[in-house]
Structures are given as C-alpha cells and as structure tokens.
C-alpha cells in the first residue's frame, strides 16, 4: 500500500510513521518512514509563518489513519496509550517557554548575586542572654539616714551619720513650731532627732524654719559672706560672767555669760588654772574702730585675716569670748595657746557649749588665721555634735559656702 504524500493528507491529522512494506509496481519495497521533520516541512510549505515559530501557538496535531489498524477483540476494547513521540513533542513545544524562563532566572539570579556581593555583610546576630528580673529593696529609710554620708564632715574629720526617724517637713511638727515660738532651742533640737538630725536637716534645707541668719539664735552663723541683719544688731540682754577675772569689764549675752562662768569653774576645778575674759560683746561702732586700727597698722589684706569688718564680727552677737590665762595677773590672748589653760580649753570647751571658732587649717573656710583664744558659744547640744563629728568650722557643719573673702 503506497504511503500518501504529506500534501495529500487531510489537514490537521497526522499518523504515526509507518515502517511497513509498500508494493510498488508489483514489487514489495520498504516504505520510507514519515518523520516529524518531513511532516513539519510539509506543514510549513502549506501554511507559511509570518513570525518565528517560537512566538506563535503550536498548531493542533495532525493525525493520520493507521494503515494497519490493530484488530480489536470482540466485546473487549483496548485503550491505546499515546505514542512516545507525542509526549516528546509536547515537551518540545514547551521548550522555548522553559528556555525563556530559565534565561530570566539566570539574569535575575546574577543581579541578586552581584547586589549581595556589593552589599555590606550583615551584623552577626548575637543571642541575648536571658535577662534577670531585677529585685528592689523596698525598705523605707528616713531622709536623715539617706543624707548622712553625703553631708559628712570635711576631709580629715570623723563625722557621724544622723539617726533615722525623721520626717520630710520637720517644720510642720507642733513640737518644733512651739519650741521656736517660745525660744526653747534645746527643745527644737530634740524635736528634730537630736543634734545630728538637726544639723542634717538644716544643712539639706529640710528645715527652713531654722534660720542661720537670725542673730537671736545660738546657731547663727556670721562670716565674711553672711553679715548681720540688721547690720548694727545688738543683743537685748548682756551680763558680765560671774567669778571670772575681767580686766576691762566685758559683757556677754546672758546665756553665754553663764556658760563662760561654768567653763572657768571647770578649768579651775581640773587644776588647769584660772581663765579670764579678755574681750566680749562689741557693738557695730566699737568693731568699726577696732578694724580701722588693724588696717592702719597692718594694711587691708592682713587686717582682713585677723579682724572682722563691722557687721561681720561674731563679737557683735554677744556669743563670742576671747579668753586669756590668768595667775597673779591675766595675760594676753597670745599667751593662751602655750598655757595649761589653753590646752584644757581645746580639749574640754565643748563640754560647756563652746567651740574654738577659728582653728588651724580652716582659714580657707572661715577667712581668718587660727585664733585658739576665740571661743564661740553654740549651746551644749550642738557643741557636742560639733566635737564628736570632727567638724572644724561652722560653715562646714551647716553645709554653708566657704567664706575666705568678702563680697566686694
């Protein structure tokens, strides 16, 4: 049976290539196989393509009638599986699409690789260690305890920490307000947790009702930066200390005069000798004359180291006493330091409410050269806290600025 030419085949039908013998002129010859290439050429000759085959949809397959159909068994149908070349052809039709997708993937992948190469390396991820849940001490401490270490004495001293139990506003306590109204300074100090608590509250500003510029109080602080208000202040009551040698008839404030009498009695009883009063209260006018005399003999700079300007002298408060050693006669203030009385005063004056106001090594705080004879009455409670705390100036004791020079 002759094999029909591709052009004679019905359109859109294609058969499997036949390899059976063909009788030509009575002679049996093997037929040339109908290959896919031959069929493709025949199809392209009949339907010229305006565009490349890769960009047009594939035509429907051509199916040819099998010249040797396989007989079917009666009553039983046989399902024919598609020819192997048909599956290959379907892949061939998809090959261009796959090629384009692969090319696109390569281009995009290359760009990603280049971008990744140019980008900085990411920071290494460091795993955080599990955080511990913080714990807090909820113990409530009094303000005086918290402030104690901060308000300690100056270098070289051994100040103590005030006791706990204070309140944030001690000036609101009835015991404090009543004691201030009556002038009972010992009761004020006791109501503020004793002398250490009192000092801490005043130094930190927690007790504004305690005025350190009030000249009527024994805790008043007068120095080169803190003059009196009014500048010509004078105490209301003055008296001469009893049983104390007093060459010039000096007087002190009544409470200070009684305390000096007790101090002199104590020195006498201890066998240290007799103490006398060399200088006590000085009015504003008296201090002005005294200061002018020092300026005239020493000059302004040296005078400011040994004498206070009027309105800045502790003697004007009536709470300062210059003591001298006495035997048959009384000596001068310059004789005290080397005398037995001077040694006893330095060690025991605090027991009677007195402190040595201008100590050696404290000139930068007080503005004056050492004066071992210059005693200042602050009362027994504060004198004890001053001594036991290792303080060396009232400026440091109350947390005030140092006063080595005058303003202007």
Foldseek 3Di string as FASTA:
>chain_A
DDDDQLVPADPLACAAWDQAWDQDPNDTDTDDTCDPVRNVVSVCVVPPDPDDPLPDQDDHHHHDDDPDDDDDDPPDDDDDDDDPVVVVVVVVNCVSVVVVVVVVCVVVVVVVVVVVVPDDDDDDDDDDDDDDDDDDDPDDWAPQQVCFVVLAADPPWAADRADTDADQALCPDPQLVVCVVVVVVQSNQVSQRFQSSVLSCLLVVSYPVDDLQALVALNNDFAQARFHVVLQDADPAWDAAPPAAEPPREIFHPLLSPLVNVLQVVCVVVVQAGKHFDYAADTLVRLQVVLVVCCVVPNDLQSQQAGPHRRRDPRRSRFKTQMFGADPHTDDQVPQCPGSNLVCCQVCVLQSQKHQAADDPCCQQRQYHGRSRIIGGNGNRNSVSCVNSRHHHSCSSNVHGGPNHHDD
